Amino acid sequence: MPTGILIIDKPADWTSQDVAAKLRGVLRERRIGHGGTLDPMATGVLPIFVGRATRAVEFFESAEKEYIAGLRLGVETDTQDSSGHVVATAPVTADRAAVEAVLARFLGPQQQIPPMYSAVKIGGKKLYELARKGEVVDRKPRDIVLHELELLEGAGDHYTFRVRCSKGTYVRTLCHDLGRALGCGACMDSLRRTRAGCYGLDQAVPLADVIAHPDPETLLLPIDSLFSHLPAVTLTPRQYKPLLNGAPVSCPGLTGGQYRVYGPDGAFAALGRAEAGKLKTIKSFFEVSKP
């Protein structure tokens, strides 16, 4: 069965769930999940976890993201992007220098209120379900970090900028808030994710190419690519046996911290943590043999 991570360049007008559902048929594998929702209008990097790799999704949830966004000044919508209904307009007097100055003010740790049109749940219901009924409810602000903000191009009422941000950041809401800070309102009119965690556009494959590929399994990256920033340790046959049973492994002299753990055959087996001469499994990824 296929196992690995497939980096999709998501097309516009597809939800992340649409992509996952399509790939279940293409790869003939039910165990498929995605690493972070992209709005339907957005394009770009969408990591898809296939087979046993779905066990790694939890380690990707906090990954930083990078986007190129289009900022339309003078227009506010109910969805905070150009797909929504216009709720306010205003003349634009801000110039490029003013936009750059406002971007600089938004750098760093801050709180952001999730938009009504989002999958955040309140009282067991997703906000977008309430929004579609015309309901607006109070939302608690979330802690986010904007690590980098760079104005790329633009003039008049339209600009593009790059943002590198923490988990949970809504770029739509950032555009909305930038417009408020500039005094004219704004919405997002394009969004392309250029990086998600350790994966970038250079590794992404257009969905249409995956669908048309004669052997799409060959496009999968190994699970351990997600942990490439960690040091590796290869176990001897004697050490490997207790790991298979979920027991701590004796590794005298191994420096404390997290490791990519490989079996004697060189196959990726687990994410582990070394402490006081013992290596404990955080999550196993070896295939469980059936009796």
C-alpha atoms as a PDB file:
ATOM      1  CA  MET A   1       0.000   0.000   0.000  1.00  0.00           C
ATOM      2  CA  PRO A   2       1.263   3.525  -0.757  1.00  0.00           C
ATOM      3  CA  THR A   3       2.858   5.404   2.129  1.00  0.00           C
ATOM      4  CA  GLY A   4       4.509   8.813   2.109  1.00  0.00           C
ATOM      5  CA  ILE A   5       3.955  12.544   1.749  1.00  0.00           C
ATOM      6  CA  LEU A   6       2.745  14.064  -1.489  1.00  0.00           C
ATOM      7  CA  ILE A   7       3.265  17.811  -1.927  1.00  0.00           C
ATOM      8  CA  ILE A   8       0.431  19.113  -4.068  1.00  0.00           C
ATOM      9  CA  ASP A   9       0.322  22.474  -5.818  1.00  0.00           C
ATOM     10  CA  LYS A  10      -3.381  22.984  -5.116  1.00  0.00           C
ATOM     11  CA  PRO A  11      -5.451  24.525  -7.897  1.00  0.00           C
ATOM     12  CA  ALA A  12      -7.992  27.276  -7.247  1.00  0.00           C
ATOM     13  CA  ASP A  13     -11.629  26.338  -6.564  1.00  0.00           C
ATOM     14  CA  TRP A  14     -10.702  23.069  -4.836  1.00  0.00           C
ATOM     15  CA  THR A  15     -11.030  22.653  -1.078  1.00  0.00           C
ATOM     16  CA  SER A  16      -8.280  20.793   0.753  1.00  0.00           C
ATOM     17  CA  GLN A  17     -10.800  18.027   1.455  1.00  0.00           C
ATOM     18  CA  ASP A  18     -11.654  17.860  -2.261  1.00  0.00           C
ATOM     19  CA  VAL A  19      -7.980  17.225  -3.027  1.00  0.00           C
ATOM     20  CA  ALA A  20      -7.700  14.535  -0.354  1.00  0.00           C
ATOM     21  CA  ALA A  21     -10.863  12.827  -1.616  1.00  0.00           C
ATOM     22  CA  LYS A  22      -9.631  12.855  -5.211  1.00  0.00           C
ATOM     23  CA  LEU A  23      -6.287  11.367  -4.225  1.00  0.00           C
ATOM     24  CA  ARG A  24      -7.952   8.530  -2.323  1.00  0.00           C
ATOM     25  CA  GLY A  25      -9.188   7.335  -5.689  1.00  0.00           C
ATOM     26  CA  VAL A  26      -5.994   8.094  -7.593  1.00  0.00           C
ATOM     27  CA  LEU A  27      -3.746   6.321  -5.093  1.00  0.00           C
ATOM     28  CA  ARG A  28      -6.320   3.698  -4.083  1.00  0.00           C
ATOM     29  CA  GLU A  29      -5.667   4.400  -0.427  1.00  0.00           C
ATOM     30  CA  ARG A  30      -8.300   5.395   2.138  1.00  0.00           C
ATOM     31  CA  ARG A  31      -5.824   6.641   4.740  1.00  0.00           C
ATOM     32  CA  ILE A  32      -5.190  10.151   3.417  1.00  0.00           C
ATOM     33  CA  GLY A  33      -5.070  13.452   5.276  1.00  0.00           C
ATOM     34  CA  HIS A  34      -3.857  16.955   4.525  1.00  0.00           C
ATOM     35  CA  GLY A  35      -1.455  19.176   6.396  1.00  0.00           C
ATOM     36  CA  GLY A  36      -3.313  22.444   6.845  1.00  0.00           C
ATOM     37  CA  THR A  37      -6.427  23.764   5.143  1.00  0.00           C
ATOM     38  CA  LEU A  38      -6.173  26.085   2.161  1.00  0.00           C
ATOM     39  CA  ASP A  39      -9.182  28.209   1.186  1.00  0.00           C
ATOM     40  CA  PRO A  40     -10.807  27.206  -2.122  1.00  0.00           C
ATOM     41  CA  MET A  41      -9.590  30.391  -3.863  1.00  0.00           C
ATOM     42  CA  ALA A  42      -6.012  29.778  -2.685  1.00  0.00           C
ATOM     43  CA  THR A  43      -3.350  27.857  -4.594  1.00  0.00           C
ATOM     44  CA  GLY A  44       0.018  26.403  -3.687  1.00  0.00           C
ATOM     45  CA  VAL A  45       1.683  24.029  -1.266  1.00  0.00           C
ATOM     46  CA  LEU A  46      -0.645  21.452   0.285  1.00  0.00           C
ATOM     47  CA  PRO A  47       1.105  18.467   1.911  1.00  0.00           C
ATOM     48  CA  ILE A  48      -0.943  15.288   1.646  1.00  0.00           C
ATOM     49  CA  PHE A  49      -0.164  12.437   4.049  1.00  0.00           C
ATOM     50  CA  VAL A  50      -0.749   8.975   2.621  1.00  0.00           C
ATOM     51  CA  GLY A  51      -1.049   5.589   4.303  1.00  0.00           C
ATOM     52  CA  ARG A  52       1.026   5.186   7.447  1.00  0.00           C
ATOM     53  CA  ALA A  53       2.287   8.745   6.952  1.00  0.00           C
ATOM     54  CA  THR A  54      -1.047   9.979   8.332  1.00  0.00           C
ATOM     55  CA  ARG A  55       0.465   9.204  11.745  1.00  0.00           C
ATOM     56  CA  ALA A  56       2.789  12.162  11.170  1.00  0.00           C
ATOM     57  CA  VAL A  57       0.111  14.818  10.586  1.00  0.00           C
ATOM     58  CA  GLU A  58       0.120  15.814  14.266  1.00  0.00           C
ATOM     59  CA  PHE A  59       3.789  16.813  13.999  1.00  0.00           C
ATOM     60  CA  PHE A  60       3.029  19.095  11.071  1.00  0.00           C
ATOM     61  CA  GLU A  61       0.121  21.012  12.579  1.00  0.00           C
ATOM     62  CA  SER A  62       2.332  23.677  14.178  1.00  0.00           C
ATOM     63  CA  ALA A  63       4.447  24.245  11.052  1.00  0.00           C
ATOM     64  CA  GLU A  64       5.097  27.780   9.857  1.00  0.00           C
ATOM     65  CA  LYS A  65       3.581  28.820   6.529  1.00  0.00           C
ATOM     66  CA  GLU A  66       4.595  31.342   3.865  1.00  0.00           C
ATOM     67  CA  TYR A  67       2.230  33.037   1.429  1.00  0.00           C
ATOM     68  CA  ILE A  68       2.080  35.578  -1.369  1.00  0.00           C
ATOM     69  CA  ALA A  69      -1.144  37.548  -0.954  1.00  0.00           C
ATOM     70  CA  GLY A  70      -2.999  40.115  -3.014  1.00  0.00           C
ATOM     71  CA  LEU A  71      -4.321  43.099  -1.046  1.00  0.00           C
ATOM     72  CA  ARG A  72      -7.237  45.065  -2.502  1.00  0.00           C
ATOM     73  CA  LEU A  73      -7.680  48.404  -0.766  1.00  0.00           C
ATOM     74  CA  GLY A  74     -10.957  50.314  -0.461  1.00  0.00           C
ATOM     75  CA  VAL A  75     -13.224  47.251  -0.302  1.00  0.00           C
ATOM     76  CA  GLU A  76     -14.430  45.143   2.628  1.00  0.00           C
ATOM     77  CA  THR A  77     -16.389  41.902   2.207  1.00  0.00           C
ATOM     78  CA  ASP A  78     -18.217  39.550   4.547  1.00  0.00           C
ATOM     79  CA  THR A  79     -15.647  36.802   3.909  1.00  0.00           C
ATOM     80  CA  GLN A  80     -12.636  39.180   4.052  1.00  0.00           C
ATOM     81  CA  ASP A  81     -11.680  38.091   0.529  1.00  0.00           C
ATOM     82  CA  SER A  82     -12.853  38.885  -2.981  1.00  0.00           C
ATOM     83  CA  SER A  83     -15.171  35.852  -3.093  1.00  0.00           C
ATOM     84  CA  GLY A  84     -17.570  37.464  -0.621  1.00  0.00           C
ATOM     85  CA  HIS A  85     -20.247  40.118  -0.741  1.00  0.00           C
ATOM     86  CA  VAL A  86     -19.074  43.712  -0.537  1.00  0.00           C
ATOM     87  CA  VAL A  87     -20.143  45.285   2.765  1.00  0.00           C
ATOM     88  CA  ALA A  88     -18.228  48.583   2.603  1.00  0.00           C
ATOM     89  CA  THR A  89     -16.202  50.724   0.221  1.00  0.00           C
ATOM     90  CA  ALA A  90     -14.024  53.778   0.811  1.00  0.00           C
ATOM     91  CA  PRO A  91     -11.678  56.023  -1.168  1.00  0.00           C
ATOM     92  CA  VAL A  92      -8.005  55.008  -1.092  1.00  0.00           C
ATOM     93  CA  THR A  93      -5.552  57.729  -0.127  1.00  0.00           C
ATOM     94  CA  ALA A  94      -2.709  55.519   1.114  1.00  0.00           C
ATOM     95  CA  ASP A  95       0.398  55.276  -1.063  1.00  0.00           C
ATOM     96  CA  ARG A  96       3.107  52.625  -1.179  1.00  0.00           C
ATOM     97  CA  ALA A  97       5.044  54.208   1.701  1.00  0.00           C
ATOM     98  CA  ALA A  98       1.933  54.109   3.881  1.00  0.00           C
ATOM     99  CA  VAL A  99       1.340  50.425   3.079  1.00  0.00           C
ATOM    100  CA  GLU A 100       4.964  49.569   3.907  1.00  0.00           C
ATOM    101  CA  ALA A 101       4.710  51.455   7.192  1.00  0.00           C
ATOM    102  CA  VAL A 102       1.550  49.597   8.207  1.00  0.00           C
ATOM    103  CA  LEU A 103       3.067  46.214   7.331  1.00  0.00           C
ATOM    104  CA  ALA A 104       5.987  46.979   9.635  1.00  0.00           C
ATOM    105  CA  ARG A 105       3.557  47.638  12.495  1.00  0.00           C
ATOM    106  CA  PHE A 106       2.056  44.161  12.148  1.00  0.00           C
ATOM    107  CA  LEU A 107       5.317  42.249  12.558  1.00  0.00           C
ATOM    108  CA  GLY A 108       5.786  39.992  15.563  1.00  0.00           C
ATOM    109  CA  PRO A 109       3.549  38.304  18.176  1.00  0.00           C
ATOM    110  CA  GLN A 110      -0.055  39.503  18.308  1.00  0.00           C
ATOM    111  CA  GLN A 111      -3.652  38.399  18.603  1.00  0.00           C
ATOM    112  CA  GLN A 112      -6.015  37.873  15.704  1.00  0.00           C
ATOM    113  CA  ILE A 113      -9.772  37.311  15.723  1.00  0.00           C
ATOM    114  CA  PRO A 114     -10.709  34.420  13.388  1.00  0.00           C
ATOM    115  CA  PRO A 115     -13.118  35.383  10.590  1.00  0.00           C
ATOM    116  CA  MET A 116     -16.742  34.240  10.667  1.00  0.00           C
ATOM    117  CA  TYR A 117     -16.159  32.384   7.415  1.00  0.00           C
ATOM    118  CA  SER A 118     -13.742  29.837   8.893  1.00  0.00           C
ATOM    119  CA  ALA A 119     -13.755  26.254  10.149  1.00  0.00           C
ATOM    120  CA  VAL A 120     -13.206  27.301  13.768  1.00  0.00           C
ATOM    121  CA  LYS A 121     -15.806  25.650  16.000  1.00  0.00           C
ATOM    122  CA  ILE A 122     -17.849  27.442  18.654  1.00  0.00           C
ATOM    123  CA  GLY A 123     -20.430  25.468  20.581  1.00  0.00           C
ATOM    124  CA  GLY A 124     -19.824  22.464  18.341  1.00  0.00           C
ATOM    125  CA  LYS A 125     -20.656  24.369  15.153  1.00  0.00           C
ATOM    126  CA  LYS A 126     -18.265  25.663  12.526  1.00  0.00           C
ATOM    127  CA  LEU A 127     -18.258  29.428  12.185  1.00  0.00           C
ATOM    128  CA  TYR A 128     -18.901  29.340   8.434  1.00  0.00           C
ATOM    129  CA  GLU A 129     -22.088  27.347   9.079  1.00  0.00           C
ATOM    130  CA  LEU A 130     -23.332  30.141  11.331  1.00  0.00           C
ATOM    131  CA  ALA A 131     -22.140  32.833   8.923  1.00  0.00           C
ATOM    132  CA  ARG A 132     -24.135  31.288   6.076  1.00  0.00           C
ATOM    133  CA  LYS A 133     -27.244  31.705   8.219  1.00  0.00           C
ATOM    134  CA  GLY A 134     -26.405  35.368   8.707  1.00  0.00           C
ATOM    135  CA  GLU A 135     -25.275  34.885  12.305  1.00  0.00           C
ATOM    136  CA  VAL A 136     -22.312  36.696  13.828  1.00  0.00           C
ATOM    137  CA  VAL A 137     -20.933  35.479  17.166  1.00  0.00           C
ATOM    138  CA  ASP A 138     -18.143  36.634  19.432  1.00  0.00           C
ATOM    139  CA  ARG A 139     -14.825  34.943  18.721  1.00  0.00           C
ATOM    140  CA  LYS A 140     -11.886  34.724  21.067  1.00  0.00           C
ATOM    141  CA  PRO A 141      -8.664  36.199  19.681  1.00  0.00           C
ATOM    142  CA  ARG A 142      -5.863  33.775  18.897  1.00  0.00           C
ATOM    143  CA  ASP A 143      -2.166  34.199  19.527  1.00  0.00           C
ATOM    144  CA  ILE A 144      -0.237  34.308  16.244  1.00  0.00           C
ATOM    145  CA  VAL A 145       3.192  35.463  15.092  1.00  0.00           C
ATOM    146  CA  LEU A 146       3.987  37.228  11.836  1.00  0.00           C
ATOM    147  CA  HIS A 147       7.674  36.446  11.378  1.00  0.00           C
ATOM    148  CA  GLU A 148       8.196  38.304   8.081  1.00  0.00           C
ATOM    149  CA  LEU A 149       6.162  40.805   6.063  1.00  0.00           C
ATOM    150  CA  GLU A 150       7.505  42.098   2.765  1.00  0.00           C
ATOM    151  CA  LEU A 151       5.764  44.374   0.281  1.00  0.00           C
ATOM    152  CA  LEU A 152       6.523  43.014  -3.181  1.00  0.00           C
ATOM    153  CA  GLU A 153       4.775  45.247  -5.682  1.00  0.00           C
ATOM    154  CA  GLY A 154       1.737  47.372  -6.321  1.00  0.00           C
ATOM    155  CA  ALA A 155       0.316  50.861  -6.434  1.00  0.00           C
ATOM    156  CA  GLY A 156      -3.043  52.584  -6.108  1.00  0.00           C
ATOM    157  CA  ASP A 157      -5.581  50.184  -4.659  1.00  0.00           C
ATOM    158  CA  HIS A 158      -3.762  46.897  -5.203  1.00  0.00           C
ATOM    159  CA  TYR A 159      -0.588  45.446  -3.669  1.00  0.00           C
ATOM    160  CA  THR A 160       1.027  42.047  -3.228  1.00  0.00           C
ATOM    161  CA  PHE A 161       3.017  41.053  -0.158  1.00  0.00           C
ATOM    162  CA  ARG A 162       4.818  38.032   1.273  1.00  0.00           C
ATOM    163  CA  VAL A 163       4.116  36.833   4.782  1.00  0.00           C
ATOM    164  CA  ARG A 164       5.776  34.111   6.845  1.00  0.00           C
ATOM    165  CA  CYS A 165       3.550  33.282   9.768  1.00  0.00           C
ATOM    166  CA  SER A 166       2.714  30.885  12.565  1.00  0.00           C
ATOM    167  CA  LYS A 167       0.025  28.251  12.705  1.00  0.00           C
ATOM    168  CA  GLY A 168      -3.491  29.639  12.951  1.00  0.00           C
ATOM    169  CA  THR A 169      -2.890  32.829  10.981  1.00  0.00           C
ATOM    170  CA  TYR A 170      -5.677  33.906   8.636  1.00  0.00           C
ATOM    171  CA  VAL A 171      -4.165  35.939   5.809  1.00  0.00           C
ATOM    172  CA  ARG A 172      -7.679  37.106   4.878  1.00  0.00           C
ATOM    173  CA  THR A 173      -8.022  38.615   8.317  1.00  0.00           C
ATOM    174  CA  LEU A 174      -4.567  40.147   8.069  1.00  0.00           C
ATOM    175  CA  CYS A 175      -5.636  41.891   4.846  1.00  0.00           C
ATOM    176  CA  HIS A 176      -8.838  43.079   6.534  1.00  0.00           C
ATOM    177  CA  ASP A 177      -6.879  44.413   9.510  1.00  0.00           C
ATOM    178  CA  LEU A 178      -4.327  46.125   7.262  1.00  0.00           C
ATOM    179  CA  GLY A 179      -7.178  47.907   5.495  1.00  0.00           C
ATOM    180  CA  ARG A 180      -8.624  49.078   8.795  1.00  0.00           C
ATOM    181  CA  ALA A 181      -5.211  50.358   9.865  1.00  0.00           C
ATOM    182  CA  LEU A 182      -4.920  52.281   6.572  1.00  0.00           C
ATOM    183  CA  GLY A 183      -8.353  53.819   7.089  1.00  0.00           C
ATOM    184  CA  CYS A 184      -9.885  52.597   3.829  1.00  0.00           C
ATOM    185  CA  GLY A 185     -10.692  48.952   4.417  1.00  0.00           C
ATOM    186  CA  ALA A 186      -9.316  46.040   2.374  1.00  0.00           C
ATOM    187  CA  CYS A 187      -9.828  42.433   1.389  1.00  0.00           C
ATOM    188  CA  MET A 188      -7.632  39.646   0.078  1.00  0.00           C
ATOM    189  CA  ASP A 189      -8.011  39.030  -3.659  1.00  0.00           C
ATOM    190  CA  SER A 190      -5.430  36.272  -4.177  1.00  0.00           C
ATOM    191  CA  LEU A 191      -3.435  33.832  -2.082  1.00  0.00           C
ATOM    192  CA  ARG A 192      -0.646  31.423  -2.950  1.00  0.00           C
ATOM    193  CA  ARG A 193       1.050  29.307  -0.306  1.00  0.00           C
ATOM    194  CA  THR A 194       4.724  29.106  -1.203  1.00  0.00           C
ATOM    195  CA  ARG A 195       5.924  27.079   1.780  1.00  0.00           C
ATOM    196  CA  ALA A 196       4.459  24.850   4.493  1.00  0.00           C
ATOM    197  CA  GLY A 197       6.961  23.746   7.096  1.00  0.00           C
ATOM    198  CA  CYS A 198       9.958  22.209   5.336  1.00  0.00           C
ATOM    199  CA  TYR A 199       8.133  21.839   2.000  1.00  0.00           C
ATOM    200  CA  GLY A 200       8.199  24.459  -0.763  1.00  0.00           C
ATOM    201  CA  LEU A 201       6.814  25.066  -4.225  1.00  0.00           C
ATOM    202  CA  ASP A 202       9.915  23.485  -5.760  1.00  0.00           C
ATOM    203  CA  GLN A 203       8.679  20.127  -4.402  1.00  0.00           C
ATOM    204  CA  ALA A 204       5.007  20.646  -5.248  1.00  0.00           C
ATOM    205  CA  VAL A 205       3.287  18.787  -8.081  1.00  0.00           C
ATOM    206  CA  PRO A 206       0.159  20.219  -9.752  1.00  0.00           C
ATOM    207  CA  LEU A 207      -2.877  18.098  -8.939  1.00  0.00           C
ATOM    208  CA  ALA A 208      -3.625  17.584 -12.646  1.00  0.00           C
ATOM    209  CA  ASP A 209      -0.138  16.125 -13.145  1.00  0.00           C
ATOM    210  CA  VAL A 210      -0.664  13.662 -10.290  1.00  0.00           C
ATOM    211  CA  ILE A 211      -4.007  12.573 -11.718  1.00  0.00           C
ATOM    212  CA  ALA A 212      -2.444  12.033 -15.167  1.00  0.00           C
ATOM    213  CA  HIS A 213       0.731  10.353 -13.888  1.00  0.00           C
ATOM    214  CA  PRO A 214       1.151   6.684 -14.908  1.00  0.00           C
ATOM    215  CA  ASP A 215       2.564   5.792 -11.471  1.00  0.00           C
ATOM    216  CA  PRO A 216       1.629   8.506  -8.933  1.00  0.00           C
ATOM    217  CA  GLU A 217       3.103   6.538  -6.022  1.00  0.00           C
ATOM    218  CA  THR A 218       6.569   7.465  -7.319  1.00  0.00           C
ATOM    219  CA  LEU A 219       5.793  11.105  -6.459  1.00  0.00           C
ATOM    220  CA  LEU A 220       5.565  10.375  -2.727  1.00  0.00           C
ATOM    221  CA  LEU A 221       8.276  11.706  -0.444  1.00  0.00           C
ATOM    222  CA  PRO A 222       9.378   9.460   2.441  1.00  0.00           C
ATOM    223  CA  ILE A 223       7.844  10.059   5.868  1.00  0.00           C
ATOM    224  CA  ASP A 224      11.223  10.924   7.390  1.00  0.00           C
ATOM    225  CA  SER A 225      11.494  13.962   5.095  1.00  0.00           C
ATOM    226  CA  LEU A 226       9.237  15.679   7.632  1.00  0.00           C
ATOM    227  CA  PHE A 227      11.900  15.161  10.320  1.00  0.00           C
ATOM    228  CA  SER A 228      14.963  15.943   8.195  1.00  0.00           C
ATOM    229  CA  HIS A 229      16.000  18.687  10.636  1.00  0.00           C
ATOM    230  CA  LEU A 230      16.585  16.086  13.378  1.00  0.00           C
ATOM    231  CA  PRO A 231      19.711  13.940  13.854  1.00  0.00           C
ATOM    232  CA  ALA A 232      19.468  10.261  12.921  1.00  0.00           C
ATOM    233  CA  VAL A 233      20.289   7.141  14.901  1.00  0.00           C
ATOM    234  CA  THR A 234      20.428   3.593  13.486  1.00  0.00           C
ATOM    235  CA  LEU A 235      19.728   0.746  15.878  1.00  0.00           C
ATOM    236  CA  THR A 236      21.405  -2.644  16.023  1.00  0.00           C
ATOM    237  CA  PRO A 237      19.215  -5.764  15.767  1.00  0.00           C
ATOM    238  CA  ARG A 238      19.456  -6.173  19.541  1.00  0.00           C
ATOM    239  CA  GLN A 239      18.287  -2.588  20.145  1.00  0.00           C
ATOM    240  CA  TYR A 240      15.603  -2.754  17.494  1.00  0.00           C
ATOM    241  CA  LYS A 241      13.630  -5.601  19.086  1.00  0.00           C
ATOM    242  CA  PRO A 242      12.490  -3.687  22.200  1.00  0.00           C
ATOM    243  CA  LEU A 243      11.543  -0.713  20.008  1.00  0.00           C
ATOM    244  CA  LEU A 244       9.214  -2.957  18.016  1.00  0.00           C
ATOM    245  CA  ASN A 245       7.531  -3.875  21.297  1.00  0.00           C
ATOM    246  CA  GLY A 246       7.231  -0.263  22.429  1.00  0.00           C
ATOM    247  CA  ALA A 247       9.873  -0.561  25.147  1.00  0.00           C
ATOM    248  CA  PRO A 248      12.721   1.932  25.811  1.00  0.00           C
ATOM    249  CA  VAL A 249      15.972   1.157  24.018  1.00  0.00           C
ATOM    250  CA  SER A 250      19.322   1.263  25.797  1.00  0.00           C
ATOM    251  CA  CYS A 251      21.516   3.842  24.005  1.00  0.00           C
ATOM    252  CA  PRO A 252      24.361   4.805  26.352  1.00  0.00           C
ATOM    253  CA  GLY A 253      26.088   8.019  25.402  1.00  0.00           C
ATOM    254  CA  LEU A 254      23.316   9.262  23.096  1.00  0.00           C
ATOM    255  CA  THR A 255      22.824  13.001  23.620  1.00  0.00           C
ATOM    256  CA  GLY A 256      19.385  13.962  24.885  1.00  0.00           C
ATOM    257  CA  GLY A 257      16.806  15.197  22.369  1.00  0.00           C
ATOM    258  CA  GLN A 258      14.676  14.011  19.485  1.00  0.00           C
ATOM    259  CA  TYR A 259      15.926  11.661  16.775  1.00  0.00           C
ATOM    260  CA  ARG A 260      14.944  10.027  13.527  1.00  0.00           C
ATOM    261  CA  VAL A 261      15.231   6.338  14.380  1.00  0.00           C
ATOM    262  CA  TYR A 262      16.145   3.734  11.761  1.00  0.00           C
ATOM    263  CA  GLY A 263      16.169  -0.045  11.936  1.00  0.00           C
ATOM    264  CA  PRO A 264      19.161  -2.255  11.121  1.00  0.00           C
ATOM    265  CA  ASP A 265      17.975  -2.441   7.495  1.00  0.00           C
ATOM    266  CA  GLY A 266      18.064   1.371   7.206  1.00  0.00           C
ATOM    267  CA  ALA A 267      14.284   1.766   7.081  1.00  0.00           C
ATOM    268  CA  PHE A 268      12.740   4.674   8.983  1.00  0.00           C
ATOM    269  CA  ALA A 269      11.140   3.221  12.106  1.00  0.00           C
ATOM    270  CA  ALA A 270      10.175   5.952  14.548  1.00  0.00           C
ATOM    271  CA  LEU A 271      10.483   9.411  15.969  1.00  0.00           C
ATOM    272  CA  GLY A 272      12.234   8.998  19.294  1.00  0.00           C
ATOM    273  CA  ARG A 273      13.492  10.951  22.289  1.00  0.00           C
ATOM    274  CA  ALA A 274      16.758  10.182  24.065  1.00  0.00           C
ATOM    275  CA  GLU A 275      17.047  10.830  27.777  1.00  0.00           C
ATOM    276  CA  ALA A 276      19.436   9.437  30.405  1.00  0.00           C
ATOM    277  CA  GLY A 277      20.842   6.771  28.099  1.00  0.00           C
ATOM    278  CA  LYS A 278      17.422   5.522  27.008  1.00  0.00           C
ATOM    279  CA  LEU A 279      15.667   6.052  23.677  1.00  0.00           C
ATOM    280  CA  LYS A 280      11.894   6.162  23.921  1.00  0.00           C
ATOM    281  CA  THR A 281       9.461   6.098  21.020  1.00  0.00           C
ATOM    282  CA  ILE A 282       7.408   9.230  20.471  1.00  0.00           C
ATOM    283  CA  LYS A 283       5.669   7.780  17.423  1.00  0.00           C
ATOM    284  CA  SER A 284       6.360   4.611  15.466  1.00  0.00           C
ATOM    285  CA  PHE A 285       6.200   4.475  11.678  1.00  0.00           C
ATOM    286  CA  PHE A 286       7.332   0.919  10.912  1.00  0.00           C
ATOM    287  CA  GLU A 287       4.797  -1.305   9.192  1.00  0.00           C
ATOM    288  CA  VAL A 288       3.197  -3.737  11.601  1.00  0.00           C
ATOM    289  CA  SER A 289       3.455  -7.238  10.190  1.00  0.00           C
ATOM    290  CA  LYS A 290       0.274  -9.272  10.281  1.00  0.00           C
ATOM    291  CA  PRO A 291       0.400 -12.807  11.666  1.00  0.00           C
END
